[in-house]
Amino acid sequence: MLDTAKLKKIVGAGNVIEEAVKLDAYSRDISFVNAIKPRCVVIPKTKQAIQELVKFANETQTPLVPVSS
């Protein structure tokens, strides 16, 4: 199970999205790949938060999917 408390500690509670309605928007793109809803969306604001997030993902074998505008 994903430790969202640890993610919130890394990026701040307001930067971790867990609401089902909001996660739906991140479950698909314009490709033909089937939609997969993420467990959460994390919005890092600093270089340090990104580094800690990648370290966390490596340690927990959690896949990261970068999204940008």
PDB file of N, CA and C in Angstrom:
ATOM      1  N   MET A   1       0.840  -1.181   0.000  1.00  0.00           N
ATOM      2  CA  MET A   1       0.000   0.000   0.000  1.00  0.00           C
ATOM      3  C   MET A   1       0.882   1.239   0.000  1.00  0.00           C
ATOM      4  N   LEU A   2       0.500   2.220  -0.743  1.00  0.00           N
ATOM      5  CA  LEU A   2       1.254   3.457  -0.863  1.00  0.00           C
ATOM      6  C   LEU A   2       1.137   4.285   0.416  1.00  0.00           C
ATOM      7  N   ASP A   3       2.268   4.741   0.925  1.00  0.00           N
ATOM      8  CA  ASP A   3       2.312   5.540   2.152  1.00  0.00           C
ATOM      9  C   ASP A   3       2.115   7.008   1.797  1.00  0.00           C
ATOM     10  N   THR A   4       0.855   7.445   1.709  1.00  0.00           N
ATOM     11  CA  THR A   4       0.588   8.830   1.342  1.00  0.00           C
ATOM     12  C   THR A   4       1.010   9.800   2.441  1.00  0.00           C
ATOM     13  N   ALA A   5       1.085   9.331   3.674  1.00  0.00           N
ATOM     14  CA  ALA A   5       1.548  10.198   4.761  1.00  0.00           C
ATOM     15  C   ALA A   5       2.993  10.619   4.504  1.00  0.00           C
ATOM     16  N   LYS A   6       3.813   9.698   4.003  1.00  0.00           N
ATOM     17  CA  LYS A   6       5.208  10.010   3.680  1.00  0.00           C
ATOM     18  C   LYS A   6       5.261  10.998   2.523  1.00  0.00           C
ATOM     19  N   LEU A   7       4.408  10.798   1.521  1.00  0.00           N
ATOM     20  CA  LEU A   7       4.361  11.735   0.382  1.00  0.00           C
ATOM     21  C   LEU A   7       3.976  13.137   0.857  1.00  0.00           C
ATOM     22  N   LYS A   8       3.001  13.208   1.743  1.00  0.00           N
ATOM     23  CA  LYS A   8       2.565  14.505   2.274  1.00  0.00           C
ATOM     24  C   LYS A   8       3.679  15.183   3.054  1.00  0.00           C
ATOM     25  N   LYS A   9       4.496  14.388   3.724  1.00  0.00           N
ATOM     26  CA  LYS A   9       5.627  14.941   4.451  1.00  0.00           C
ATOM     27  C   LYS A   9       6.667  15.503   3.481  1.00  0.00           C
ATOM     28  N   ILE A  10       6.829  14.848   2.328  1.00  0.00           N
ATOM     29  CA  ILE A  10       7.813  15.274   1.339  1.00  0.00           C
ATOM     30  C   ILE A  10       7.369  16.556   0.627  1.00  0.00           C
ATOM     31  N   VAL A  11       6.121  16.599   0.155  1.00  0.00           N
ATOM     32  CA  VAL A  11       5.673  17.719  -0.693  1.00  0.00           C
ATOM     33  C   VAL A  11       4.644  18.631  -0.045  1.00  0.00           C
ATOM     34  N   GLY A  12       4.159  18.270   1.132  1.00  0.00           N
ATOM     35  CA  GLY A  12       3.115  19.057   1.791  1.00  0.00           C
ATOM     36  C   GLY A  12       1.745  18.462   1.499  1.00  0.00           C
ATOM     37  N   ALA A  13       0.888  18.441   2.502  1.00  0.00           N
ATOM     38  CA  ALA A  13      -0.427  17.805   2.384  1.00  0.00           C
ATOM     39  C   ALA A  13      -1.268  18.390   1.259  1.00  0.00           C
ATOM     40  N   GLY A  14      -1.149  19.681   1.028  1.00  0.00           N
ATOM     41  CA  GLY A  14      -1.941  20.327  -0.020  1.00  0.00           C
ATOM     42  C   GLY A  14      -1.476  19.990  -1.425  1.00  0.00           C
ATOM     43  N   ASN A  15      -0.360  19.290  -1.540  1.00  0.00           N
ATOM     44  CA  ASN A  15       0.193  18.940  -2.848  1.00  0.00           C
ATOM     45  C   ASN A  15       0.060  17.452  -3.168  1.00  0.00           C
ATOM     46  N   VAL A  16      -0.788  16.757  -2.416  1.00  0.00           N
ATOM     47  CA  VAL A  16      -1.099  15.355  -2.690  1.00  0.00           C
ATOM     48  C   VAL A  16      -2.600  15.257  -2.933  1.00  0.00           C
ATOM     49  N   ILE A  17      -2.976  14.857  -4.129  1.00  0.00           N
ATOM     50  CA  ILE A  17      -4.382  14.752  -4.515  1.00  0.00           C
ATOM     51  C   ILE A  17      -4.813  13.296  -4.384  1.00  0.00           C
ATOM     52  N   GLU A  18      -5.908  13.081  -3.638  1.00  0.00           N
ATOM     53  CA  GLU A  18      -6.428  11.726  -3.441  1.00  0.00           C
ATOM     54  C   GLU A  18      -7.910  11.608  -3.779  1.00  0.00           C
ATOM     55  N   GLU A  19      -8.580  12.717  -4.102  1.00  0.00           N
ATOM     56  CA  GLU A  19     -10.007  12.699  -4.381  1.00  0.00           C
ATOM     57  C   GLU A  19     -10.285  12.005  -5.718  1.00  0.00           C
ATOM     58  N   ALA A  20     -11.213  11.042  -5.701  1.00  0.00           N
ATOM     59  CA  ALA A  20     -11.506  10.218  -6.878  1.00  0.00           C
ATOM     60  C   ALA A  20     -11.864  11.047  -8.107  1.00  0.00           C
ATOM     61  N   VAL A  21     -12.654  12.078  -7.938  1.00  0.00           N
ATOM     62  CA  VAL A  21     -13.074  12.906  -9.071  1.00  0.00           C
ATOM     63  C   VAL A  21     -11.870  13.576  -9.728  1.00  0.00           C
ATOM     64  N   LYS A  22     -10.971  14.097  -8.914  1.00  0.00           N
ATOM     65  CA  LYS A  22      -9.780  14.749  -9.455  1.00  0.00           C
ATOM     66  C   LYS A  22      -8.822  13.744 -10.082  1.00  0.00           C
ATOM     67  N   LEU A  23      -8.737  12.542  -9.513  1.00  0.00           N
ATOM     68  CA  LEU A  23      -7.851  11.522 -10.062  1.00  0.00           C
ATOM     69  C   LEU A  23      -8.317  11.048 -11.442  1.00  0.00           C
ATOM     70  N   ASP A  24      -9.611  11.108 -11.689  1.00  0.00           N
ATOM     71  CA  ASP A  24     -10.136  10.717 -13.009  1.00  0.00           C
ATOM     72  C   ASP A  24      -9.488  11.520 -14.130  1.00  0.00           C
ATOM     73  N   ALA A  25      -9.227  12.786 -13.883  1.00  0.00           N
ATOM     74  CA  ALA A  25      -8.616  13.640 -14.906  1.00  0.00           C
ATOM     75  C   ALA A  25      -7.202  13.191 -15.253  1.00  0.00           C
ATOM     76  N   TYR A  26      -6.545  12.500 -14.338  1.00  0.00           N
ATOM     77  CA  TYR A  26      -5.178  12.028 -14.564  1.00  0.00           C
ATOM     78  C   TYR A  26      -5.138  10.582 -15.063  1.00  0.00           C
ATOM     79  N   SER A  27      -6.281   9.965 -15.272  1.00  0.00           N
ATOM     80  CA  SER A  27      -6.314   8.550 -15.637  1.00  0.00           C
ATOM     81  C   SER A  27      -6.204   8.302 -17.138  1.00  0.00           C
ATOM     82  N   ARG A  28      -6.270   9.352 -17.932  1.00  0.00           N
ATOM     83  CA  ARG A  28      -6.222   9.170 -19.383  1.00  0.00           C
ATOM     84  C   ARG A  28      -5.558  10.347 -20.055  1.00  0.00           C
ATOM     85  N   ASP A  29      -5.143  10.115 -21.289  1.00  0.00           N
ATOM     86  CA  ASP A  29      -4.606  11.186 -22.110  1.00  0.00           C
ATOM     87  C   ASP A  29      -5.144  11.003 -23.521  1.00  0.00           C
ATOM     88  N   ILE A  30      -4.526  11.614 -24.506  1.00  0.00           N
ATOM     89  CA  ILE A  30      -5.060  11.534 -25.864  1.00  0.00           C
ATOM     90  C   ILE A  30      -4.578  10.303 -26.629  1.00  0.00           C
ATOM     91  N   SER A  31      -3.822   9.432 -25.967  1.00  0.00           N
ATOM     92  CA  SER A  31      -3.343   8.217 -26.620  1.00  0.00           C
ATOM     93  C   SER A  31      -4.440   7.148 -26.597  1.00  0.00           C
ATOM     94  N   PHE A  32      -4.134   6.010 -27.190  1.00  0.00           N
ATOM     95  CA  PHE A  32      -5.085   4.904 -27.241  1.00  0.00           C
ATOM     96  C   PHE A  32      -4.895   3.902 -26.106  1.00  0.00           C
ATOM     97  N   VAL A  33      -4.076   4.250 -25.132  1.00  0.00           N
ATOM     98  CA  VAL A  33      -3.829   3.382 -23.985  1.00  0.00           C
ATOM     99  C   VAL A  33      -5.058   3.407 -23.075  1.00  0.00           C
ATOM    100  N   ASN A  34      -5.386   2.241 -22.496  1.00  0.00           N
ATOM    101  CA  ASN A  34      -6.526   2.180 -21.579  1.00  0.00           C
ATOM    102  C   ASN A  34      -6.298   3.080 -20.367  1.00  0.00           C
ATOM    103  N   ALA A  35      -7.372   3.674 -19.889  1.00  0.00           N
ATOM    104  CA  ALA A  35      -7.302   4.563 -18.726  1.00  0.00           C
ATOM    105  C   ALA A  35      -6.971   3.765 -17.469  1.00  0.00           C
ATOM    106  N   ILE A  36      -6.068   4.306 -16.660  1.00  0.00           N
ATOM    107  CA  ILE A  36      -5.717   3.718 -15.371  1.00  0.00           C
ATOM    108  C   ILE A  36      -5.690   4.837 -14.344  1.00  0.00           C
ATOM    109  N   LYS A  37      -6.563   4.741 -13.337  1.00  0.00           N
ATOM    110  CA  LYS A  37      -6.630   5.785 -12.317  1.00  0.00           C
ATOM    111  C   LYS A  37      -5.453   5.652 -11.352  1.00  0.00           C
ATOM    112  N   PRO A  38      -4.705   6.733 -11.138  1.00  0.00           N
ATOM    113  CA  PRO A  38      -3.591   6.680 -10.175  1.00  0.00           C
ATOM    114  C   PRO A  38      -4.116   6.619  -8.744  1.00  0.00           C
ATOM    115  N   ARG A  39      -3.284   6.131  -7.847  1.00  0.00           N
ATOM    116  CA  ARG A  39      -3.663   6.110  -6.427  1.00  0.00           C
ATOM    117  C   ARG A  39      -3.662   7.513  -5.851  1.00  0.00           C
ATOM    118  N   CYS A  40      -2.766   8.352  -6.365  1.00  0.00           N
ATOM    119  CA  CYS A  40      -2.725   9.744  -5.958  1.00  0.00           C
ATOM    120  C   CYS A  40      -1.906  10.521  -6.981  1.00  0.00           C
ATOM    121  N   VAL A  41      -2.001  11.836  -6.906  1.00  0.00           N
ATOM    122  CA  VAL A  41      -1.199  12.733  -7.732  1.00  0.00           C
ATOM    123  C   VAL A  41      -0.406  13.606  -6.777  1.00  0.00           C
ATOM    124  N   VAL A  42       0.892  13.708  -7.030  1.00  0.00           N
ATOM    125  CA  VAL A  42       1.777  14.491  -6.175  1.00  0.00           C
ATOM    126  C   VAL A  42       2.314  15.661  -6.984  1.00  0.00           C
ATOM    127  N   ILE A  43       2.262  16.845  -6.416  1.00  0.00           N
ATOM    128  CA  ILE A  43       2.706  18.053  -7.102  1.00  0.00           C
ATOM    129  C   ILE A  43       3.895  18.639  -6.339  1.00  0.00           C
ATOM    130  N   PRO A  44       5.110  18.229  -6.710  1.00  0.00           N
ATOM    131  CA  PRO A  44       6.288  18.786  -6.033  1.00  0.00           C
ATOM    132  C   PRO A  44       6.534  20.220  -6.492  1.00  0.00           C
ATOM    133  N   LYS A  45       6.955  21.065  -5.580  1.00  0.00           N
ATOM    134  CA  LYS A  45       7.162  22.488  -5.884  1.00  0.00           C
ATOM    135  C   LYS A  45       8.626  22.895  -5.922  1.00  0.00           C
ATOM    136  N   THR A  46       9.512  22.037  -5.393  1.00  0.00           N
ATOM    137  CA  THR A  46      10.925  22.392  -5.338  1.00  0.00           C
ATOM    138  C   THR A  46      11.787  21.259  -5.892  1.00  0.00           C
ATOM    139  N   LYS A  47      13.004  21.597  -6.248  1.00  0.00           N
ATOM    140  CA  LYS A  47      13.958  20.599  -6.726  1.00  0.00           C
ATOM    141  C   LYS A  47      14.206  19.556  -5.634  1.00  0.00           C
ATOM    142  N   GLN A  48      14.326  19.994  -4.391  1.00  0.00           N
ATOM    143  CA  GLN A  48      14.552  19.078  -3.277  1.00  0.00           C
ATOM    144  C   GLN A  48      13.379  18.104  -3.134  1.00  0.00           C
ATOM    145  N   ALA A  49      12.148  18.593  -3.279  1.00  0.00           N
ATOM    146  CA  ALA A  49      10.976  17.718  -3.174  1.00  0.00           C
ATOM    147  C   ALA A  49      10.981  16.678  -4.291  1.00  0.00           C
ATOM    148  N   ILE A  50      11.382  17.081  -5.489  1.00  0.00           N
ATOM    149  CA  ILE A  50      11.460  16.134  -6.607  1.00  0.00           C
ATOM    150  C   ILE A  50      12.500  15.062  -6.301  1.00  0.00           C
ATOM    151  N   GLN A  51      13.652  15.459  -5.792  1.00  0.00           N
ATOM    152  CA  GLN A  51      14.707  14.498  -5.460  1.00  0.00           C
ATOM    153  C   GLN A  51      14.236  13.514  -4.385  1.00  0.00           C
ATOM    154  N   GLU A  52      13.569  14.016  -3.359  1.00  0.00           N
ATOM    155  CA  GLU A  52      13.061  13.151  -2.296  1.00  0.00           C
ATOM    156  C   GLU A  52      11.956  12.238  -2.813  1.00  0.00           C
ATOM    157  N   LEU A  53      11.128  12.756  -3.707  1.00  0.00           N
ATOM    158  CA  LEU A  53      10.052  11.966  -4.299  1.00  0.00           C
ATOM    159  C   LEU A  53      10.615  10.815  -5.134  1.00  0.00           C
ATOM    160  N   VAL A  54      11.626  11.083  -5.939  1.00  0.00           N
ATOM    161  CA  VAL A  54      12.254  10.030  -6.750  1.00  0.00           C
ATOM    162  C   VAL A  54      12.919   8.998  -5.844  1.00  0.00           C
ATOM    163  N   LYS A  55      13.571   9.446  -4.790  1.00  0.00           N
ATOM    164  CA  LYS A  55      14.197   8.521  -3.837  1.00  0.00           C
ATOM    165  C   LYS A  55      13.132   7.637  -3.184  1.00  0.00           C
ATOM    166  N   PHE A  56      12.033   8.230  -2.763  1.00  0.00           N
ATOM    167  CA  PHE A  56      10.915   7.487  -2.169  1.00  0.00           C
ATOM    168  C   PHE A  56      10.380   6.450  -3.161  1.00  0.00           C
ATOM    169  N   ALA A  57      10.191   6.860  -4.406  1.00  0.00           N
ATOM    170  CA  ALA A  57       9.664   5.951  -5.430  1.00  0.00           C
ATOM    171  C   ALA A  57      10.619   4.783  -5.664  1.00  0.00           C
ATOM    172  N   ASN A  58      11.906   5.051  -5.697  1.00  0.00           N
ATOM    173  CA  ASN A  58      12.898   3.979  -5.872  1.00  0.00           C
ATOM    174  C   ASN A  58      12.885   3.013  -4.691  1.00  0.00           C
ATOM    175  N   GLU A  59      12.823   3.547  -3.495  1.00  0.00           N
ATOM    176  CA  GLU A  59      12.851   2.705  -2.293  1.00  0.00           C
ATOM    177  C   GLU A  59      11.605   1.837  -2.180  1.00  0.00           C
ATOM    178  N   THR A  60      10.459   2.346  -2.603  1.00  0.00           N
ATOM    179  CA  THR A  60       9.187   1.633  -2.461  1.00  0.00           C
ATOM    180  C   THR A  60       8.722   0.974  -3.753  1.00  0.00           C
ATOM    181  N   GLN A  61       9.541   1.085  -4.797  1.00  0.00           N
ATOM    182  CA  GLN A  61       9.207   0.544  -6.111  1.00  0.00           C
ATOM    183  C   GLN A  61       7.847   1.065  -6.598  1.00  0.00           C
ATOM    184  N   THR A  62       7.640   2.350  -6.377  1.00  0.00           N
ATOM    185  CA  THR A  62       6.417   3.020  -6.803  1.00  0.00           C
ATOM    186  C   THR A  62       6.672   3.667  -8.152  1.00  0.00           C
ATOM    187  N   PRO A  63       5.870   3.349  -9.164  1.00  0.00           N
ATOM    188  CA  PRO A  63       6.084   3.968 -10.468  1.00  0.00           C
ATOM    189  C   PRO A  63       5.740   5.456 -10.451  1.00  0.00           C
ATOM    190  N   LEU A  64       6.526   6.236 -11.174  1.00  0.00           N
ATOM    191  CA  LEU A  64       6.262   7.658 -11.341  1.00  0.00           C
ATOM    192  C   LEU A  64       5.910   7.919 -12.798  1.00  0.00           C
ATOM    193  N   VAL A  65       4.899   8.721 -13.014  1.00  0.00           N
ATOM    194  CA  VAL A  65       4.528   9.132 -14.362  1.00  0.00           C
ATOM    195  C   VAL A  65       4.528  10.658 -14.367  1.00  0.00           C
ATOM    196  N   PRO A  66       5.558  11.272 -14.966  1.00  0.00           N
ATOM    197  CA  PRO A  66       5.594  12.733 -14.979  1.00  0.00           C
ATOM    198  C   PRO A  66       4.521  13.297 -15.909  1.00  0.00           C
ATOM    199  N   VAL A  67       3.921  14.385 -15.473  1.00  0.00           N
ATOM    200  CA  VAL A  67       2.884  15.066 -16.260  1.00  0.00           C
ATOM    201  C   VAL A  67       3.224  16.554 -16.232  1.00  0.00           C
ATOM    202  N   SER A  68       3.140  17.198 -17.380  1.00  0.00           N
ATOM    203  CA  SER A  68       3.371  18.630 -17.417  1.00  0.00           C
ATOM    204  C   SER A  68       2.376  19.269 -18.374  1.00  0.00           C
ATOM    205  N   SER A  69       2.344  20.567 -18.334  1.00  0.00           N
ATOM    206  CA  SER A  69       1.425  21.270 -19.232  1.00  0.00           C
ATOM    207  C   SER A  69       2.181  21.796 -20.439  1.00  0.00           C
TER     208      SER A  69
END
